[in-house]
PDB file of N, CA and C in Angstrom:
ATOM      1  N   MET A   1     -61.691 -52.083  11.909  1.00  0.00           N
ATOM      2  CA  MET A   1     -60.654 -52.209  10.903  1.00  0.00           C
ATOM      3  C   MET A   1     -61.261 -52.504   9.529  1.00  0.00           C
ATOM      4  N   LEU A   2     -62.343 -53.248   9.497  1.00  0.00           N
ATOM      5  CA  LEU A   2     -62.985 -53.600   8.236  1.00  0.00           C
ATOM      6  C   LEU A   2     -63.423 -52.361   7.473  1.00  0.00           C
ATOM      7  N   HIS A   3     -63.897 -51.351   8.173  1.00  0.00           N
ATOM      8  CA  HIS A   3     -64.337 -50.126   7.510  1.00  0.00           C
ATOM      9  C   HIS A   3     -63.162 -49.326   6.959  1.00  0.00           C
ATOM     10  N   GLN A   4     -61.980 -49.511   7.515  1.00  0.00           N
ATOM     11  CA  GLN A   4     -60.809 -48.759   7.077  1.00  0.00           C
ATOM     12  C   GLN A   4     -60.161 -49.350   5.834  1.00  0.00           C
ATOM     13  N   VAL A   5     -60.081 -50.679   5.750  1.00  0.00           N
ATOM     14  CA  VAL A   5     -59.331 -51.291   4.650  1.00  0.00           C
ATOM     15  C   VAL A   5     -60.183 -52.116   3.699  1.00  0.00           C
ATOM     16  N   GLY A   6     -61.328 -52.578   4.090  1.00  0.00           N
ATOM     17  CA  GLY A   6     -62.156 -53.407   3.222  1.00  0.00           C
ATOM     18  C   GLY A   6     -61.853 -54.879   3.406  1.00  0.00           C
ATOM     19  N   ILE A   7     -62.836 -55.690   3.090  1.00  0.00           N
ATOM     20  CA  ILE A   7     -62.730 -57.136   3.332  1.00  0.00           C
ATOM     21  C   ILE A   7     -61.662 -57.793   2.456  1.00  0.00           C
ATOM     22  N   THR A   8     -61.498 -57.326   1.235  1.00  0.00           N
ATOM     23  CA  THR A   8     -60.512 -57.935   0.332  1.00  0.00           C
ATOM     24  C   THR A   8     -59.097 -57.758   0.862  1.00  0.00           C
ATOM     25  N   ALA A   9     -58.766 -56.536   1.241  1.00  0.00           N
ATOM     26  CA  ALA A   9     -57.423 -56.266   1.756  1.00  0.00           C
ATOM     27  C   ALA A   9     -57.213 -56.933   3.109  1.00  0.00           C
ATOM     28  N   LEU A  10     -58.280 -57.084   3.869  1.00  0.00           N
ATOM     29  CA  LEU A  10     -58.157 -57.718   5.173  1.00  0.00           C
ATOM     30  C   LEU A  10     -57.882 -59.215   5.043  1.00  0.00           C
ATOM     31  N   ASN A  11     -58.474 -59.858   4.030  1.00  0.00           N
ATOM     32  CA  ASN A  11     -58.300 -61.301   3.832  1.00  0.00           C
ATOM     33  C   ASN A  11     -57.076 -61.663   2.991  1.00  0.00           C
ATOM     34  N   ALA A  12     -56.539 -60.737   2.223  1.00  0.00           N
ATOM     35  CA  ALA A  12     -55.420 -61.031   1.328  1.00  0.00           C
ATOM     36  C   ALA A  12     -54.212 -61.643   2.038  1.00  0.00           C
ATOM     37  N   PRO A  13     -53.795 -61.121   3.200  1.00  0.00           N
ATOM     38  CA  PRO A  13     -52.617 -61.707   3.855  1.00  0.00           C
ATOM     39  C   PRO A  13     -52.807 -63.161   4.295  1.00  0.00           C
ATOM     40  N   LEU A  14     -54.037 -63.647   4.331  1.00  0.00           N
ATOM     41  CA  LEU A  14     -54.240 -65.058   4.676  1.00  0.00           C
ATOM     42  C   LEU A  14     -53.602 -65.985   3.643  1.00  0.00           C
ATOM     43  N   SER A  15     -53.384 -65.478   2.437  1.00  0.00           N
ATOM     44  CA  SER A  15     -52.717 -66.278   1.406  1.00  0.00           C
ATOM     45  C   SER A  15     -51.255 -66.527   1.737  1.00  0.00           C
ATOM     46  N   LEU A  16     -50.735 -65.796   2.698  1.00  0.00           N
ATOM     47  CA  LEU A  16     -49.327 -65.961   3.086  1.00  0.00           C
ATOM     48  C   LEU A  16     -49.145 -66.985   4.210  1.00  0.00           C
ATOM     49  N   VAL A  17     -50.232 -67.610   4.647  1.00  0.00           N
ATOM     50  CA  VAL A  17     -50.132 -68.599   5.723  1.00  0.00           C
ATOM     51  C   VAL A  17     -49.314 -69.809   5.273  1.00  0.00           C
ATOM     52  N   ALA A  18     -49.557 -70.298   4.070  1.00  0.00           N
ATOM     53  CA  ALA A  18     -48.818 -71.475   3.586  1.00  0.00           C
ATOM     54  C   ALA A  18     -47.309 -71.208   3.478  1.00  0.00           C
ATOM     55  N   PRO A  19     -46.883 -70.099   2.860  1.00  0.00           N
ATOM     56  CA  PRO A  19     -45.441 -69.835   2.836  1.00  0.00           C
ATOM     57  C   PRO A  19     -44.850 -69.644   4.233  1.00  0.00           C
ATOM     58  N   ALA A  20     -45.581 -68.982   5.104  1.00  0.00           N
ATOM     59  CA  ALA A  20     -45.080 -68.777   6.472  1.00  0.00           C
ATOM     60  C   ALA A  20     -44.945 -70.102   7.201  1.00  0.00           C
ATOM     61  N   THR A  21     -45.885 -71.002   6.980  1.00  0.00           N
ATOM     62  CA  THR A  21     -45.821 -72.321   7.600  1.00  0.00           C
ATOM     63  C   THR A  21     -44.636 -73.118   7.063  1.00  0.00           C
ATOM     64  N   ALA A  22     -44.406 -73.035   5.756  1.00  0.00           N
ATOM     65  CA  ALA A  22     -43.267 -73.747   5.163  1.00  0.00           C
ATOM     66  C   ALA A  22     -41.943 -73.209   5.705  1.00  0.00           C
ATOM     67  N   MET A  23     -41.843 -71.894   5.824  1.00  0.00           N
ATOM     68  CA  MET A  23     -40.614 -71.293   6.363  1.00  0.00           C
ATOM     69  C   MET A  23     -40.413 -71.682   7.828  1.00  0.00           C
ATOM     70  N   THR A  24     -41.481 -71.663   8.596  1.00  0.00           N
ATOM     71  CA  THR A  24     -41.388 -72.038  10.003  1.00  0.00           C
ATOM     72  C   THR A  24     -40.977 -73.494  10.146  1.00  0.00           C
ATOM     73  N   GLY A  25     -41.560 -74.353   9.320  1.00  0.00           N
ATOM     74  CA  GLY A  25     -41.185 -75.763   9.348  1.00  0.00           C
ATOM     75  C   GLY A  25     -39.728 -75.973   8.997  1.00  0.00           C
ATOM     76  N   ALA A  26     -39.233 -75.185   8.069  1.00  0.00           N
ATOM     77  CA  ALA A  26     -37.820 -75.301   7.690  1.00  0.00           C
ATOM     78  C   ALA A  26     -36.906 -74.835   8.813  1.00  0.00           C
ATOM     79  N   MET A  27     -37.285 -73.722   9.438  1.00  0.00           N
ATOM     80  CA  MET A  27     -36.418 -73.170  10.492  1.00  0.00           C
ATOM     81  C   MET A  27     -36.478 -73.989  11.782  1.00  0.00           C
ATOM     82  N   LEU A  28     -37.659 -74.382  12.196  1.00  0.00           N
ATOM     83  CA  LEU A  28     -37.804 -75.044  13.494  1.00  0.00           C
ATOM     84  C   LEU A  28     -37.669 -76.561  13.429  1.00  0.00           C
ATOM     85  N   LEU A  29     -38.117 -77.150  12.333  1.00  0.00           N
ATOM     86  CA  LEU A  29     -38.137 -78.611  12.259  1.00  0.00           C
ATOM     87  C   LEU A  29     -37.131 -79.188  11.275  1.00  0.00           C
ATOM     88  N   GLY A  30     -36.427 -78.308  10.566  1.00  0.00           N
ATOM     89  CA  GLY A  30     -35.429 -78.785   9.619  1.00  0.00           C
ATOM     90  C   GLY A  30     -36.015 -79.394   8.365  1.00  0.00           C
ATOM     91  N   GLU A  31     -37.266 -79.067   8.045  1.00  0.00           N
ATOM     92  CA  GLU A  31     -37.881 -79.597   6.831  1.00  0.00           C
ATOM     93  C   GLU A  31     -37.228 -78.949   5.613  1.00  0.00           C
ATOM     94  N   PRO A  32     -37.102 -79.695   4.537  1.00  0.00           N
ATOM     95  CA  PRO A  32     -36.444 -79.126   3.350  1.00  0.00           C
ATOM     96  C   PRO A  32     -37.340 -78.125   2.627  1.00  0.00           C
ATOM     97  N   LEU A  33     -36.725 -77.059   2.123  1.00  0.00           N
ATOM     98  CA  LEU A  33     -37.417 -76.118   1.247  1.00  0.00           C
ATOM     99  C   LEU A  33     -36.945 -76.412  -0.171  1.00  0.00           C
ATOM    100  N   THR A  34     -37.799 -77.003  -0.963  1.00  0.00           N
ATOM    101  CA  THR A  34     -37.425 -77.351  -2.331  1.00  0.00           C
ATOM    102  C   THR A  34     -37.616 -76.146  -3.245  1.00  0.00           C
ATOM    103  N   LEU A  35     -37.087 -76.241  -4.448  1.00  0.00           N
ATOM    104  CA  LEU A  35     -37.274 -75.182  -5.429  1.00  0.00           C
ATOM    105  C   LEU A  35     -38.754 -74.996  -5.760  1.00  0.00           C
ATOM    106  N   LEU A  36     -39.493 -76.079  -5.785  1.00  0.00           N
ATOM    107  CA  LEU A  36     -40.926 -75.989  -6.064  1.00  0.00           C
ATOM    108  C   LEU A  36     -41.646 -75.236  -4.950  1.00  0.00           C
ATOM    109  N   THR A  37     -41.258 -75.480  -3.718  1.00  0.00           N
ATOM    110  CA  THR A  37     -41.848 -74.756  -2.587  1.00  0.00           C
ATOM    111  C   THR A  37     -41.528 -73.278  -2.683  1.00  0.00           C
ATOM    112  N   LEU A  38     -40.272 -72.957  -2.948  1.00  0.00           N
ATOM    113  CA  LEU A  38     -39.869 -71.552  -3.078  1.00  0.00           C
ATOM    114  C   LEU A  38     -40.555 -70.882  -4.257  1.00  0.00           C
ATOM    115  N   ALA A  39     -40.739 -71.615  -5.344  1.00  0.00           N
ATOM    116  CA  ALA A  39     -41.438 -71.065  -6.513  1.00  0.00           C
ATOM    117  C   ALA A  39     -42.904 -70.794  -6.179  1.00  0.00           C
ATOM    118  N   GLY A  40     -43.463 -71.551  -5.275  1.00  0.00           N
ATOM    119  CA  GLY A  40     -44.848 -71.331  -4.867  1.00  0.00           C
ATOM    120  C   GLY A  40     -45.029 -70.089  -4.025  1.00  0.00           C
ATOM    121  N   PHE A  41     -43.961 -69.611  -3.409  1.00  0.00           N
ATOM    122  CA  PHE A  41     -44.045 -68.381  -2.613  1.00  0.00           C
ATOM    123  C   PHE A  41     -44.351 -67.170  -3.502  1.00  0.00           C
ATOM    124  N   ALA A  42     -43.823 -67.171  -4.716  1.00  0.00           N
ATOM    125  CA  ALA A  42     -43.967 -66.012  -5.603  1.00  0.00           C
ATOM    126  C   ALA A  42     -45.425 -65.699  -5.940  1.00  0.00           C
ATOM    127  N   PRO A  43     -46.228 -66.666  -6.364  1.00  0.00           N
ATOM    128  CA  PRO A  43     -47.631 -66.326  -6.655  1.00  0.00           C
ATOM    129  C   PRO A  43     -48.398 -65.867  -5.415  1.00  0.00           C
ATOM    130  N   CYS A  44     -48.067 -66.442  -4.276  1.00  0.00           N
ATOM    131  CA  CYS A  44     -48.739 -66.018  -3.034  1.00  0.00           C
ATOM    132  C   CYS A  44     -48.414 -64.564  -2.720  1.00  0.00           C
ATOM    133  N   GLY A  45     -47.146 -64.238  -2.719  1.00  0.00           N
ATOM    134  CA  GLY A  45     -46.736 -62.869  -2.428  1.00  0.00           C
ATOM    135  C   GLY A  45     -47.175 -61.891  -3.502  1.00  0.00           C
ATOM    136  N   GLY A  46     -47.072 -62.304  -4.749  1.00  0.00           N
ATOM    137  CA  GLY A  46     -47.504 -61.444  -5.851  1.00  0.00           C
ATOM    138  C   GLY A  46     -48.998 -61.167  -5.807  1.00  0.00           C
ATOM    139  N   GLY A  47     -49.770 -62.181  -5.511  1.00  0.00           N
ATOM    140  CA  GLY A  47     -51.217 -62.005  -5.416  1.00  0.00           C
ATOM    141  C   GLY A  47     -51.602 -61.050  -4.304  1.00  0.00           C
ATOM    142  N   VAL A  48     -50.962 -61.195  -3.170  1.00  0.00           N
ATOM    143  CA  VAL A  48     -51.242 -60.291  -2.043  1.00  0.00           C
ATOM    144  C   VAL A  48     -50.843 -58.865  -2.413  1.00  0.00           C
ATOM    145  N   ALA A  49     -49.702 -58.704  -3.054  1.00  0.00           N
ATOM    146  CA  ALA A  49     -49.251 -57.364  -3.452  1.00  0.00           C
ATOM    147  C   ALA A  49     -50.240 -56.719  -4.422  1.00  0.00           C
ATOM    148  N   VAL A  50     -50.703 -57.481  -5.398  1.00  0.00           N
ATOM    149  CA  VAL A  50     -51.668 -56.947  -6.365  1.00  0.00           C
ATOM    150  C   VAL A  50     -52.945 -56.514  -5.673  1.00  0.00           C
ATOM    151  N   VAL A  51     -53.465 -57.349  -4.796  1.00  0.00           N
ATOM    152  CA  VAL A  51     -54.706 -57.022  -4.092  1.00  0.00           C
ATOM    153  C   VAL A  51     -54.538 -55.761  -3.259  1.00  0.00           C
ATOM    154  N   LEU A  52     -53.443 -55.657  -2.534  1.00  0.00           N
ATOM    155  CA  LEU A  52     -53.239 -54.495  -1.670  1.00  0.00           C
ATOM    156  C   LEU A  52     -53.044 -53.212  -2.473  1.00  0.00           C
ATOM    157  N   VAL A  53     -52.360 -53.290  -3.608  1.00  0.00           N
ATOM    158  CA  VAL A  53     -52.167 -52.111  -4.453  1.00  0.00           C
ATOM    159  C   VAL A  53     -53.496 -51.663  -5.055  1.00  0.00           C
ATOM    160  N   VAL A  54     -54.275 -52.614  -5.564  1.00  0.00           N
ATOM    161  CA  VAL A  54     -55.569 -52.266  -6.149  1.00  0.00           C
ATOM    162  C   VAL A  54     -56.493 -51.679  -5.090  1.00  0.00           C
ATOM    163  N   GLU A  55     -56.510 -52.256  -3.905  1.00  0.00           N
ATOM    164  CA  GLU A  55     -57.337 -51.727  -2.806  1.00  0.00           C
ATOM    165  C   GLU A  55     -56.907 -50.314  -2.434  1.00  0.00           C
ATOM    166  N   ALA A  56     -55.596 -50.077  -2.370  1.00  0.00           N
ATOM    167  CA  ALA A  56     -55.097 -48.755  -2.000  1.00  0.00           C
ATOM    168  C   ALA A  56     -55.489 -47.723  -3.055  1.00  0.00           C
ATOM    169  N   ARG A  57     -55.383 -48.096  -4.316  1.00  0.00           N
ATOM    170  CA  ARG A  57     -55.770 -47.158  -5.376  1.00  0.00           C
ATOM    171  C   ARG A  57     -57.271 -46.876  -5.348  1.00  0.00           C
ATOM    172  N   ALA A  58     -58.068 -47.890  -5.077  1.00  0.00           N
ATOM    173  CA  ALA A  58     -59.517 -47.710  -4.995  1.00  0.00           C
ATOM    174  C   ALA A  58     -59.883 -46.821  -3.808  1.00  0.00           C
ATOM    175  N   THR A  59     -59.180 -46.976  -2.714  1.00  0.00           N
ATOM    176  CA  THR A  59     -59.441 -46.162  -1.530  1.00  0.00           C
ATOM    177  C   THR A  59     -59.090 -44.707  -1.801  1.00  0.00           C
ATOM    178  N   ARG A  60     -57.955 -44.476  -2.477  1.00  0.00           N
ATOM    179  CA  ARG A  60     -57.559 -43.104  -2.799  1.00  0.00           C
ATOM    180  C   ARG A  60     -58.527 -42.467  -3.797  1.00  0.00           C
ATOM    181  N   ALA A  61     -59.048 -43.251  -4.729  1.00  0.00           N
ATOM    182  CA  ALA A  61     -59.981 -42.729  -5.719  1.00  0.00           C
ATOM    183  C   ALA A  61     -61.311 -42.337  -5.072  1.00  0.00           C
ATOM    184  N   ASP A  62     -61.701 -43.064  -4.018  1.00  0.00           N
ATOM    185  CA  ASP A  62     -62.942 -42.770  -3.312  1.00  0.00           C
ATOM    186  C   ASP A  62     -62.829 -41.542  -2.435  1.00  0.00           C
ATOM    187  N   ALA A  63     -61.614 -41.233  -2.007  1.00  0.00           N
ATOM    188  CA  ALA A  63     -61.413 -40.106  -1.069  1.00  0.00           C
ATOM    189  C   ALA A  63     -61.456 -38.764  -1.739  1.00  0.00           C
TER     190      ALA A  63
END
C-alpha cells in the first residue's frame, strides 16, 4: 500500500484519531462535546483533506 499512496497520504488519516475518540466518547460515554472541541475538528479534517488532495495531484502529475 505504501508504494501506491505514499507515506504522507498513508499517515494523514492518523490526525483524525483525536476527533474520532472525542465523538466515540460522546456517543458511548456521554461525554460533552463543547464548541471548542467541535472547532478543533475543522483543522484536523481540513489538514487531512489538504494532504490527500496534494498527494493525489502529485500522483497524477507523475503518471
